[in-house]
Amino acid sequence: MIGIIGGTGIYEIVTLGDEIDTKVIKTPYGKSPEVSIFKLHEKDVAFMPRHAKGHSNPPIW
């Protein structure tokens, strides 16, 4: 699986994939922003927006 943490300008990558699913992951630091998991060119990809959906988190949280 390929993991991508991205910011403004890369959110659209999810729309290029197939079999899109979203998850929120529980961590010792709290819940993650919504992670999109999808297939892109036959590869599994996980994308997490750096600021969360709608830029609701600062880049470092």
C-alpha atoms as a PDB file:
ATOM      1  CA  MET A   1       0.000   0.000   0.000  1.00  0.00           C
ATOM      2  CA  ILE A   2       1.145   3.500  -0.796  1.00  0.00           C
ATOM      3  CA  GLY A   3       0.436   6.187   1.806  1.00  0.00           C
ATOM      4  CA  ILE A   4       0.107   9.860   0.904  1.00  0.00           C
ATOM      5  CA  ILE A   5      -0.252  12.764   3.324  1.00  0.00           C
ATOM      6  CA  GLY A   6      -1.108  15.793   1.268  1.00  0.00           C
ATOM      7  CA  GLY A   7      -2.326  19.329   1.427  1.00  0.00           C
ATOM      8  CA  THR A   8      -4.008  21.813  -0.841  1.00  0.00           C
ATOM      9  CA  GLY A   9      -3.815  20.817  -4.482  1.00  0.00           C
ATOM     10  CA  ILE A  10      -3.705  17.053  -4.032  1.00  0.00           C
ATOM     11  CA  TYR A  11      -7.194  16.351  -2.626  1.00  0.00           C
ATOM     12  CA  GLU A  12      -8.405  15.511  -6.146  1.00  0.00           C
ATOM     13  CA  ILE A  13      -6.203  12.407  -6.305  1.00  0.00           C
ATOM     14  CA  VAL A  14      -8.983  10.458  -4.613  1.00  0.00           C
ATOM     15  CA  THR A  15     -11.363  11.160  -7.501  1.00  0.00           C
ATOM     16  CA  LEU A  16      -8.927   9.469  -9.905  1.00  0.00           C
ATOM     17  CA  GLY A  17      -9.161   6.149  -8.074  1.00  0.00           C
ATOM     18  CA  ASP A  18     -11.565   3.236  -7.963  1.00  0.00           C
ATOM     19  CA  GLU A  19     -13.200   1.379  -5.062  1.00  0.00           C
ATOM     20  CA  ILE A  20     -13.022   4.421  -2.793  1.00  0.00           C
ATOM     21  CA  ASP A  21     -13.591   3.843   0.927  1.00  0.00           C
ATOM     22  CA  THR A  22     -13.030   6.110   3.919  1.00  0.00           C
ATOM     23  CA  LYS A  23     -11.914   5.323   7.458  1.00  0.00           C
ATOM     24  CA  VAL A  24     -11.132   7.167  10.660  1.00  0.00           C
ATOM     25  CA  ILE A  25      -8.284   5.566  12.573  1.00  0.00           C
ATOM     26  CA  LYS A  26      -8.047   5.578  16.366  1.00  0.00           C
ATOM     27  CA  THR A  27      -4.538   6.454  17.586  1.00  0.00           C
ATOM     28  CA  PRO A  28      -2.989   7.131  21.005  1.00  0.00           C
ATOM     29  CA  TYR A  29      -3.244  10.834  20.070  1.00  0.00           C
ATOM     30  CA  GLY A  30      -6.942  10.786  19.161  1.00  0.00           C
ATOM     31  CA  LYS A  31      -8.840  10.061  15.980  1.00  0.00           C
ATOM     32  CA  SER A  32      -7.194  10.668  12.615  1.00  0.00           C
ATOM     33  CA  PRO A  33      -8.678  12.860   9.941  1.00  0.00           C
ATOM     34  CA  GLU A  34     -10.733  10.871   7.440  1.00  0.00           C
ATOM     35  CA  VAL A  35      -8.424   8.591   5.423  1.00  0.00           C
ATOM     36  CA  SER A  36      -9.451   7.713   1.851  1.00  0.00           C
ATOM     37  CA  ILE A  37      -8.437   4.259   0.667  1.00  0.00           C
ATOM     38  CA  PHE A  38      -8.665   3.512  -3.035  1.00  0.00           C
ATOM     39  CA  LYS A  39      -7.084   1.794  -6.023  1.00  0.00           C
ATOM     40  CA  LEU A  40      -5.022   3.836  -8.473  1.00  0.00           C
ATOM     41  CA  HIS A  41      -3.339   2.095 -11.418  1.00  0.00           C
ATOM     42  CA  GLU A  42      -3.933  -1.257  -9.678  1.00  0.00           C
ATOM     43  CA  LYS A  43      -2.122  -0.108  -6.506  1.00  0.00           C
ATOM     44  CA  ASP A  44      -3.748   0.298  -3.082  1.00  0.00           C
ATOM     45  CA  VAL A  45      -3.418   3.899  -1.917  1.00  0.00           C
ATOM     46  CA  ALA A  46      -4.300   5.580   1.388  1.00  0.00           C
ATOM     47  CA  PHE A  47      -4.631   9.365   1.331  1.00  0.00           C
ATOM     48  CA  MET A  48      -4.860  11.529   4.440  1.00  0.00           C
ATOM     49  CA  PRO A  49      -5.391  15.271   4.042  1.00  0.00           C
ATOM     50  CA  ARG A  50      -2.869  17.179   6.147  1.00  0.00           C
ATOM     51  CA  HIS A  51      -5.443  19.656   7.445  1.00  0.00           C
ATOM     52  CA  ALA A  52      -8.457  17.283   7.516  1.00  0.00           C
ATOM     53  CA  LYS A  53     -11.588  17.830   5.475  1.00  0.00           C
ATOM     54  CA  GLY A  54     -12.483  21.510   5.176  1.00  0.00           C
ATOM     55  CA  HIS A  55      -9.109  22.550   6.632  1.00  0.00           C
ATOM     56  CA  SER A  56     -10.452  22.022  10.148  1.00  0.00           C
ATOM     57  CA  ASN A  57      -7.068  21.071  11.698  1.00  0.00           C
ATOM     58  CA  PRO A  58      -3.765  22.928  11.635  1.00  0.00           C
ATOM     59  CA  PRO A  59      -1.036  20.993   9.741  1.00  0.00           C
ATOM     60  CA  ILE A  60       0.552  19.822  13.011  1.00  0.00           C
ATOM     61  CA  TRP A  61      -1.830  18.369  15.578  1.00  0.00           C
END
